[in-house]
Amino acid sequence: MTQSYTETLKENFANMHTDMLLERKLKGGLTDEAQKILDMELAKRNIDDEELKKYEMDEGTQKFISE
C-alpha cells in the first residue's frame, strides 16, 4: 500500500533532526499542508516561536562568523 502525501510528510518530518526542521521552516517555500505538518512536528518537540527566533539568531551568527 502506498502512503499518501500527508503520511509521507509526517514520517519524513518525524525522522528529521530538530535543527533540520527549523532550517526548513526558516527557508520557507513549503506547501500549506507541508507547513502545517512541520508546525505540528515542532509542537510535538515543544519548539515554539521563541525557540525558532533563537535558532535563527544562532544561524545568523554562524553565517557571519564563517564569512
C-alpha atoms as a PDB file:
ATOM      1  CA  MET A   1       0.000   0.000   0.000  1.00  0.00           C
ATOM      2  CA  THR A   2       1.368   3.410  -0.910  1.00  0.00           C
ATOM      3  CA  GLN A   3       1.464   6.233   1.583  1.00  0.00           C
ATOM      4  CA  SER A   4      -0.400   9.449   0.995  1.00  0.00           C
ATOM      5  CA  TYR A   5       1.457  12.733   0.594  1.00  0.00           C
ATOM      6  CA  THR A   6       0.437  13.701   4.134  1.00  0.00           C
ATOM      7  CA  GLU A   7       1.600  10.408   5.643  1.00  0.00           C
ATOM      8  CA  THR A   8       4.922  10.652   3.817  1.00  0.00           C
ATOM      9  CA  LEU A   9       5.484  14.206   5.076  1.00  0.00           C
ATOM     10  CA  LYS A  10       4.622  13.227   8.640  1.00  0.00           C
ATOM     11  CA  GLU A  11       7.053  10.320   8.528  1.00  0.00           C
ATOM     12  CA  ASN A  12       9.840  12.361   6.918  1.00  0.00           C
ATOM     13  CA  PHE A  13       9.491  15.252   9.362  1.00  0.00           C
ATOM     14  CA  ALA A  14       9.299  12.855  12.333  1.00  0.00           C
ATOM     15  CA  ASN A  15      12.626  11.335  11.266  1.00  0.00           C
ATOM     16  CA  MET A  16      14.424  14.665  10.777  1.00  0.00           C
ATOM     17  CA  HIS A  17      16.687  16.241  13.386  1.00  0.00           C
ATOM     18  CA  THR A  18      15.142  19.302  15.044  1.00  0.00           C
ATOM     19  CA  ASP A  19      17.815  21.598  13.570  1.00  0.00           C
ATOM     20  CA  MET A  20      16.893  20.380  10.097  1.00  0.00           C
ATOM     21  CA  LEU A  21      13.213  21.098  10.744  1.00  0.00           C
ATOM     22  CA  LEU A  22      13.996  24.600  11.989  1.00  0.00           C
ATOM     23  CA  GLU A  23      16.189  25.261   8.967  1.00  0.00           C
ATOM     24  CA  ARG A  24      13.429  24.032   6.660  1.00  0.00           C
ATOM     25  CA  LYS A  25      10.872  26.274   8.368  1.00  0.00           C
ATOM     26  CA  LEU A  26      13.113  29.332   8.046  1.00  0.00           C
ATOM     27  CA  LYS A  27      13.852  28.568   4.404  1.00  0.00           C
ATOM     28  CA  GLY A  28      10.132  28.589   3.566  1.00  0.00           C
ATOM     29  CA  GLY A  29       8.661  27.611   0.240  1.00  0.00           C
ATOM     30  CA  LEU A  30       6.574  24.754   1.653  1.00  0.00           C
ATOM     31  CA  THR A  31       3.047  23.964   0.603  1.00  0.00           C
ATOM     32  CA  ASP A  32       0.350  24.931   3.094  1.00  0.00           C
ATOM     33  CA  GLU A  33      -0.086  21.275   4.018  1.00  0.00           C
ATOM     34  CA  ALA A  34       3.652  20.724   4.497  1.00  0.00           C
ATOM     35  CA  GLN A  35       3.903  23.874   6.644  1.00  0.00           C
ATOM     36  CA  LYS A  36       1.037  22.680   8.836  1.00  0.00           C
ATOM     37  CA  ILE A  37       2.638  19.251   9.303  1.00  0.00           C
ATOM     38  CA  LEU A  38       6.028  20.821  10.033  1.00  0.00           C
ATOM     39  CA  ASP A  39       4.447  23.091  12.650  1.00  0.00           C
ATOM     40  CA  MET A  40       2.728  20.081  14.237  1.00  0.00           C
ATOM     41  CA  GLU A  41       6.032  18.185  14.416  1.00  0.00           C
ATOM     42  CA  LEU A  42       7.791  21.170  16.000  1.00  0.00           C
ATOM     43  CA  ALA A  43       4.955  21.487  18.529  1.00  0.00           C
ATOM     44  CA  LYS A  44       5.395  17.804  19.447  1.00  0.00           C
ATOM     45  CA  ARG A  45       9.017  18.654  20.219  1.00  0.00           C
ATOM     46  CA  ASN A  46       7.990  21.695  22.299  1.00  0.00           C
ATOM     47  CA  ILE A  47       9.592  24.088  19.830  1.00  0.00           C
ATOM     48  CA  ASP A  48       7.802  27.432  19.873  1.00  0.00           C
ATOM     49  CA  ASP A  49       8.338  30.788  18.157  1.00  0.00           C
ATOM     50  CA  GLU A  50      10.851  31.785  20.846  1.00  0.00           C
ATOM     51  CA  GLU A  51      12.993  28.725  20.082  1.00  0.00           C
ATOM     52  CA  LEU A  52      12.727  29.459  16.362  1.00  0.00           C
ATOM     53  CA  LYS A  53      13.965  33.026  16.938  1.00  0.00           C
ATOM     54  CA  LYS A  54      16.909  31.746  18.993  1.00  0.00           C
ATOM     55  CA  TYR A  55      17.791  29.281  16.244  1.00  0.00           C
ATOM     56  CA  GLU A  56      17.533  31.980  13.585  1.00  0.00           C
ATOM     57  CA  MET A  57      19.828  34.284  15.574  1.00  0.00           C
ATOM     58  CA  ASP A  58      22.328  31.467  16.134  1.00  0.00           C
ATOM     59  CA  GLU A  59      22.311  30.604  12.426  1.00  0.00           C
ATOM     60  CA  GLY A  60      22.851  34.251  11.510  1.00  0.00           C
ATOM     61  CA  THR A  61      25.799  34.434  13.889  1.00  0.00           C
ATOM     62  CA  GLN A  62      27.311  31.263  12.431  1.00  0.00           C
ATOM     63  CA  LYS A  63      26.967  32.580   8.872  1.00  0.00           C
ATOM     64  CA  PHE A  64      28.545  35.896   9.890  1.00  0.00           C
ATOM     65  CA  ILE A  65      31.487  34.117  11.563  1.00  0.00           C
ATOM     66  CA  SER A  66      32.111  31.846   8.569  1.00  0.00           C
ATOM     67  CA  GLU A  67      32.124  34.704   6.032  1.00  0.00           C
END
